[in-house]
């Protein structure tokens, strides 16, 4: 992706994220009922992984928006939050 960008191009990414913790497969976390049996993992990336990727690609993080969608620490853990209550 980085190699395909034109100079000063913008790459927008969206993915499950947790500032502190990397998770190999969200579907295997205790309390997650969604995704059982799906044949591919759902990674949750963290700051260390993001910073490493930025260094490797020589890209710059211009803006980051974080959205909380569940009451638990990870996506699909706890109760879903209503759109108006997400922060």
N, C-alpha and C. Protein backbone atom coordinates (compact mmCIF):
# COMPACT_ATOMS: atom_id res chain seq x y z
N UNK A 1 0.82 -1.19 0.00
CA UNK A 1 0.00 0.00 0.00
C UNK A 1 0.87 1.25 0.00
N UNK A 2 1.87 1.25 0.86
CA UNK A 2 2.72 2.43 0.96
C UNK A 2 3.46 2.69 -0.35
N UNK A 3 3.91 1.64 -1.01
CA UNK A 3 4.64 1.83 -2.27
C UNK A 3 3.76 2.37 -3.38
N UNK A 4 2.46 2.13 -3.30
CA UNK A 4 1.55 2.58 -4.35
C UNK A 4 1.09 4.03 -4.18
N UNK A 5 1.36 4.61 -3.02
CA UNK A 5 0.95 6.00 -2.80
C UNK A 5 1.77 6.96 -3.63
N UNK A 6 1.10 7.94 -4.17
CA UNK A 6 1.80 9.03 -4.85
C UNK A 6 2.39 9.94 -3.79
N UNK A 7 3.41 10.74 -4.13
CA UNK A 7 3.96 11.68 -3.15
C UNK A 7 2.84 12.55 -2.55
N UNK A 8 2.87 12.69 -1.24
CA UNK A 8 1.85 13.44 -0.48
C UNK A 8 0.48 12.79 -0.55
N UNK A 9 0.42 11.52 -0.97
CA UNK A 9 -0.84 10.79 -1.01
C UNK A 9 -1.32 10.46 0.40
N UNK A 10 -2.58 10.12 0.51
CA UNK A 10 -3.18 9.81 1.80
C UNK A 10 -3.71 8.38 1.78
N UNK A 11 -3.39 7.64 2.82
CA UNK A 11 -3.85 6.27 2.98
C UNK A 11 -4.74 6.23 4.21
N UNK A 12 -5.97 5.80 4.04
CA UNK A 12 -6.91 5.71 5.17
C UNK A 12 -7.08 4.24 5.50
N UNK A 13 -6.83 3.89 6.75
CA UNK A 13 -6.95 2.51 7.21
C UNK A 13 -7.97 2.42 8.33
N UNK A 14 -8.66 1.32 8.41
CA UNK A 14 -9.55 1.05 9.53
C UNK A 14 -9.33 -0.39 9.97
N UNK A 15 -9.15 -0.56 11.27
CA UNK A 15 -8.90 -1.90 11.80
C UNK A 15 -9.13 -1.89 13.31
N UNK A 16 -9.40 -3.06 13.89
CA UNK A 16 -9.53 -3.13 15.35
C UNK A 16 -8.22 -2.69 16.01
N UNK A 17 -8.33 -1.87 17.04
CA UNK A 17 -7.15 -1.27 17.65
C UNK A 17 -7.33 -1.18 19.16
N UNK A 18 -6.25 -1.39 19.88
CA UNK A 18 -6.19 -1.18 21.32
C UNK A 18 -4.85 -0.53 21.61
N UNK A 19 -4.86 0.57 22.29
CA UNK A 19 -3.61 1.33 22.50
C UNK A 19 -2.50 0.48 23.12
N UNK A 20 -2.85 -0.39 24.07
CA UNK A 20 -1.83 -1.11 24.84
C UNK A 20 -1.62 -2.56 24.40
N UNK A 21 -2.65 -3.23 23.93
CA UNK A 21 -2.56 -4.68 23.75
C UNK A 21 -2.73 -5.11 22.29
N UNK A 22 -1.80 -5.95 21.82
CA UNK A 22 -1.96 -6.62 20.53
C UNK A 22 -2.64 -7.96 20.80
N UNK A 23 -3.62 -8.31 19.97
CA UNK A 23 -4.32 -9.59 20.11
C UNK A 23 -4.19 -10.34 18.79
N UNK A 24 -3.68 -11.56 18.87
CA UNK A 24 -3.48 -12.39 17.68
C UNK A 24 -4.80 -12.73 17.00
N UNK A 25 -5.83 -13.06 17.80
CA UNK A 25 -7.12 -13.43 17.22
C UNK A 25 -8.23 -13.06 18.19
N UNK A 26 -8.95 -12.00 17.87
CA UNK A 26 -10.06 -11.53 18.68
C UNK A 26 -11.07 -12.64 18.97
N UNK A 27 -11.32 -13.50 17.98
CA UNK A 27 -12.36 -14.51 18.12
C UNK A 27 -12.03 -15.56 19.17
N UNK A 28 -10.80 -15.62 19.62
CA UNK A 28 -10.40 -16.60 20.64
C UNK A 28 -10.38 -16.02 22.05
N UNK A 29 -10.70 -14.73 22.20
CA UNK A 29 -10.71 -14.12 23.53
C UNK A 29 -11.88 -14.66 24.36
N UNK A 30 -11.68 -14.82 25.67
CA UNK A 30 -12.79 -15.21 26.53
C UNK A 30 -13.91 -14.18 26.48
N UNK A 31 -15.13 -14.63 26.41
CA UNK A 31 -16.27 -13.73 26.39
C UNK A 31 -16.68 -13.26 25.01
N UNK A 32 -15.97 -13.65 23.98
CA UNK A 32 -16.32 -13.26 22.61
C UNK A 32 -17.08 -14.40 21.96
N UNK A 33 -18.36 -14.17 21.68
CA UNK A 33 -19.17 -15.19 21.04
C UNK A 33 -19.16 -15.04 19.53
N UNK A 34 -18.92 -13.85 19.06
CA UNK A 34 -18.91 -13.57 17.62
C UNK A 34 -17.66 -14.16 16.98
N UNK A 35 -17.80 -14.72 15.79
CA UNK A 35 -16.65 -15.15 15.00
C UNK A 35 -16.16 -16.55 15.24
N UNK A 36 -16.80 -17.28 16.15
CA UNK A 36 -16.35 -18.66 16.39
C UNK A 36 -16.47 -19.46 15.10
N UNK A 37 -15.40 -20.16 14.74
CA UNK A 37 -15.41 -20.98 13.55
C UNK A 37 -15.02 -20.25 12.27
N UNK A 38 -14.82 -18.94 12.34
CA UNK A 38 -14.37 -18.22 11.15
C UNK A 38 -12.92 -18.64 10.88
N UNK A 39 -12.59 -19.00 9.64
CA UNK A 39 -11.29 -19.60 9.36
C UNK A 39 -10.11 -18.63 9.30
N UNK A 40 -10.33 -17.37 9.51
CA UNK A 40 -9.22 -16.41 9.47
C UNK A 40 -9.23 -15.61 10.77
N UNK A 41 -8.08 -15.17 11.25
CA UNK A 41 -8.03 -14.43 12.52
C UNK A 41 -8.42 -12.97 12.35
N UNK A 42 -8.83 -12.38 13.43
CA UNK A 42 -9.08 -10.94 13.48
C UNK A 42 -8.07 -10.35 14.46
N UNK A 43 -7.02 -9.76 13.95
CA UNK A 43 -5.98 -9.16 14.79
C UNK A 43 -6.49 -7.84 15.37
N UNK A 44 -6.05 -7.54 16.57
CA UNK A 44 -6.24 -6.21 17.15
C UNK A 44 -4.83 -5.63 17.26
N UNK A 45 -4.60 -4.55 16.55
CA UNK A 45 -3.28 -3.95 16.53
C UNK A 45 -3.14 -2.95 17.67
N UNK A 46 -1.91 -2.68 18.08
CA UNK A 46 -1.65 -1.75 19.17
C UNK A 46 -0.64 -0.69 18.73
N UNK A 47 -0.28 0.20 19.67
CA UNK A 47 0.63 1.31 19.36
C UNK A 47 1.99 0.81 18.87
N UNK A 48 2.50 -0.25 19.50
CA UNK A 48 3.81 -0.79 19.10
C UNK A 48 3.77 -1.26 17.65
N UNK A 49 2.73 -2.00 17.29
CA UNK A 49 2.60 -2.50 15.92
C UNK A 49 2.43 -1.35 14.94
N UNK A 50 1.62 -0.36 15.29
CA UNK A 50 1.40 0.79 14.40
C UNK A 50 2.69 1.58 14.20
N UNK A 51 3.39 1.88 15.28
CA UNK A 51 4.65 2.62 15.17
C UNK A 51 5.69 1.86 14.35
N UNK A 52 5.75 0.56 14.53
CA UNK A 52 6.69 -0.26 13.77
C UNK A 52 6.37 -0.20 12.28
N UNK A 53 5.10 -0.32 11.94
CA UNK A 53 4.68 -0.26 10.54
C UNK A 53 5.00 1.11 9.94
N UNK A 54 4.77 2.17 10.70
CA UNK A 54 5.08 3.51 10.21
C UNK A 54 6.58 3.68 9.95
N UNK A 55 7.41 3.16 10.85
CA UNK A 55 8.87 3.22 10.64
C UNK A 55 9.28 2.45 9.40
N UNK A 56 8.76 1.24 9.25
CA UNK A 56 9.13 0.39 8.11
C UNK A 56 8.73 1.01 6.77
N UNK A 57 7.57 1.66 6.73
CA UNK A 57 7.06 2.21 5.47
C UNK A 57 7.48 3.65 5.25
N UNK A 58 8.05 4.28 6.30
CA UNK A 58 8.42 5.70 6.24
C UNK A 58 7.20 6.60 5.99
N UNK A 59 6.05 6.14 6.45
CA UNK A 59 4.84 6.95 6.38
C UNK A 59 4.68 7.74 7.67
N UNK A 60 3.83 8.75 7.64
CA UNK A 60 3.60 9.62 8.79
C UNK A 60 2.13 9.53 9.17
N UNK A 61 1.86 9.39 10.46
CA UNK A 61 0.49 9.40 10.97
C UNK A 61 0.05 10.86 11.05
N UNK A 62 -0.95 11.21 10.26
CA UNK A 62 -1.43 12.59 10.21
C UNK A 62 -2.59 12.79 11.18
N UNK A 63 -3.47 11.81 11.24
CA UNK A 63 -4.63 11.91 12.13
C UNK A 63 -5.03 10.51 12.55
N UNK A 64 -5.47 10.38 13.78
CA UNK A 64 -5.94 9.10 14.28
C UNK A 64 -7.26 9.33 15.01
N UNK A 65 -8.26 8.57 14.66
CA UNK A 65 -9.54 8.64 15.35
C UNK A 65 -9.83 7.27 15.95
N UNK A 66 -10.17 7.27 17.21
CA UNK A 66 -10.48 6.03 17.91
C UNK A 66 -11.96 6.04 18.30
N UNK A 67 -12.62 4.91 18.08
CA UNK A 67 -14.03 4.77 18.41
C UNK A 67 -14.21 3.53 19.28
N UNK A 68 -14.84 3.71 20.40
CA UNK A 68 -15.15 2.58 21.28
C UNK A 68 -16.53 2.08 20.93
N UNK A 69 -16.66 0.79 20.67
CA UNK A 69 -17.93 0.24 20.22
C UNK A 69 -18.53 -0.77 21.19
N UNK A 70 -17.75 -1.19 22.19
CA UNK A 70 -18.23 -2.13 23.21
C UNK A 70 -17.79 -1.67 24.59
N UNK A 71 -18.50 -2.13 25.62
CA UNK A 71 -18.17 -1.72 26.98
C UNK A 71 -16.87 -2.34 27.48
N UNK A 72 -16.45 -3.48 26.92
CA UNK A 72 -15.22 -4.14 27.33
C UNK A 72 -13.99 -3.49 26.72
N UNK A 73 -12.84 -4.06 27.05
CA UNK A 73 -11.58 -3.49 26.56
C UNK A 73 -11.37 -3.71 25.07
N UNK A 74 -12.00 -4.76 24.51
CA UNK A 74 -11.82 -5.10 23.11
C UNK A 74 -13.15 -5.14 22.38
N UNK A 75 -13.09 -5.06 21.09
CA UNK A 75 -14.28 -5.20 20.26
C UNK A 75 -14.93 -6.55 20.54
N UNK A 76 -16.25 -6.57 20.59
CA UNK A 76 -17.04 -7.77 20.85
C UNK A 76 -16.88 -8.30 22.27
N UNK A 77 -16.30 -7.53 23.18
CA UNK A 77 -16.22 -7.93 24.59
C UNK A 77 -17.11 -6.96 25.36
N UNK A 78 -18.05 -7.49 26.10
CA UNK A 78 -19.00 -6.66 26.82
C UNK A 78 -20.22 -6.39 25.96
N UNK A 79 -20.90 -5.33 26.29
CA UNK A 79 -22.13 -4.96 25.58
C UNK A 79 -21.82 -3.93 24.50
N UNK A 80 -22.53 -4.01 23.37
CA UNK A 80 -22.34 -2.98 22.33
C UNK A 80 -22.85 -1.63 22.83
N UNK A 81 -22.13 -0.58 22.46
CA UNK A 81 -22.54 0.78 22.79
C UNK A 81 -23.38 1.33 21.65
N UNK A 82 -24.35 2.14 22.00
CA UNK A 82 -25.15 2.82 20.97
C UNK A 82 -24.27 3.86 20.30
N UNK A 83 -24.53 4.13 19.05
CA UNK A 83 -23.67 5.07 18.31
C UNK A 83 -23.50 6.41 18.99
N UNK A 84 -24.54 6.94 19.58
CA UNK A 84 -24.45 8.25 20.24
C UNK A 84 -23.64 8.23 21.53
N UNK A 85 -23.40 7.04 22.09
CA UNK A 85 -22.67 6.93 23.36
C UNK A 85 -21.23 6.51 23.17
N UNK A 86 -20.73 6.46 21.98
CA UNK A 86 -19.36 6.01 21.73
C UNK A 86 -18.38 7.16 21.91
N UNK A 87 -17.26 6.86 22.55
CA UNK A 87 -16.22 7.91 22.68
C UNK A 87 -14.87 7.28 22.73
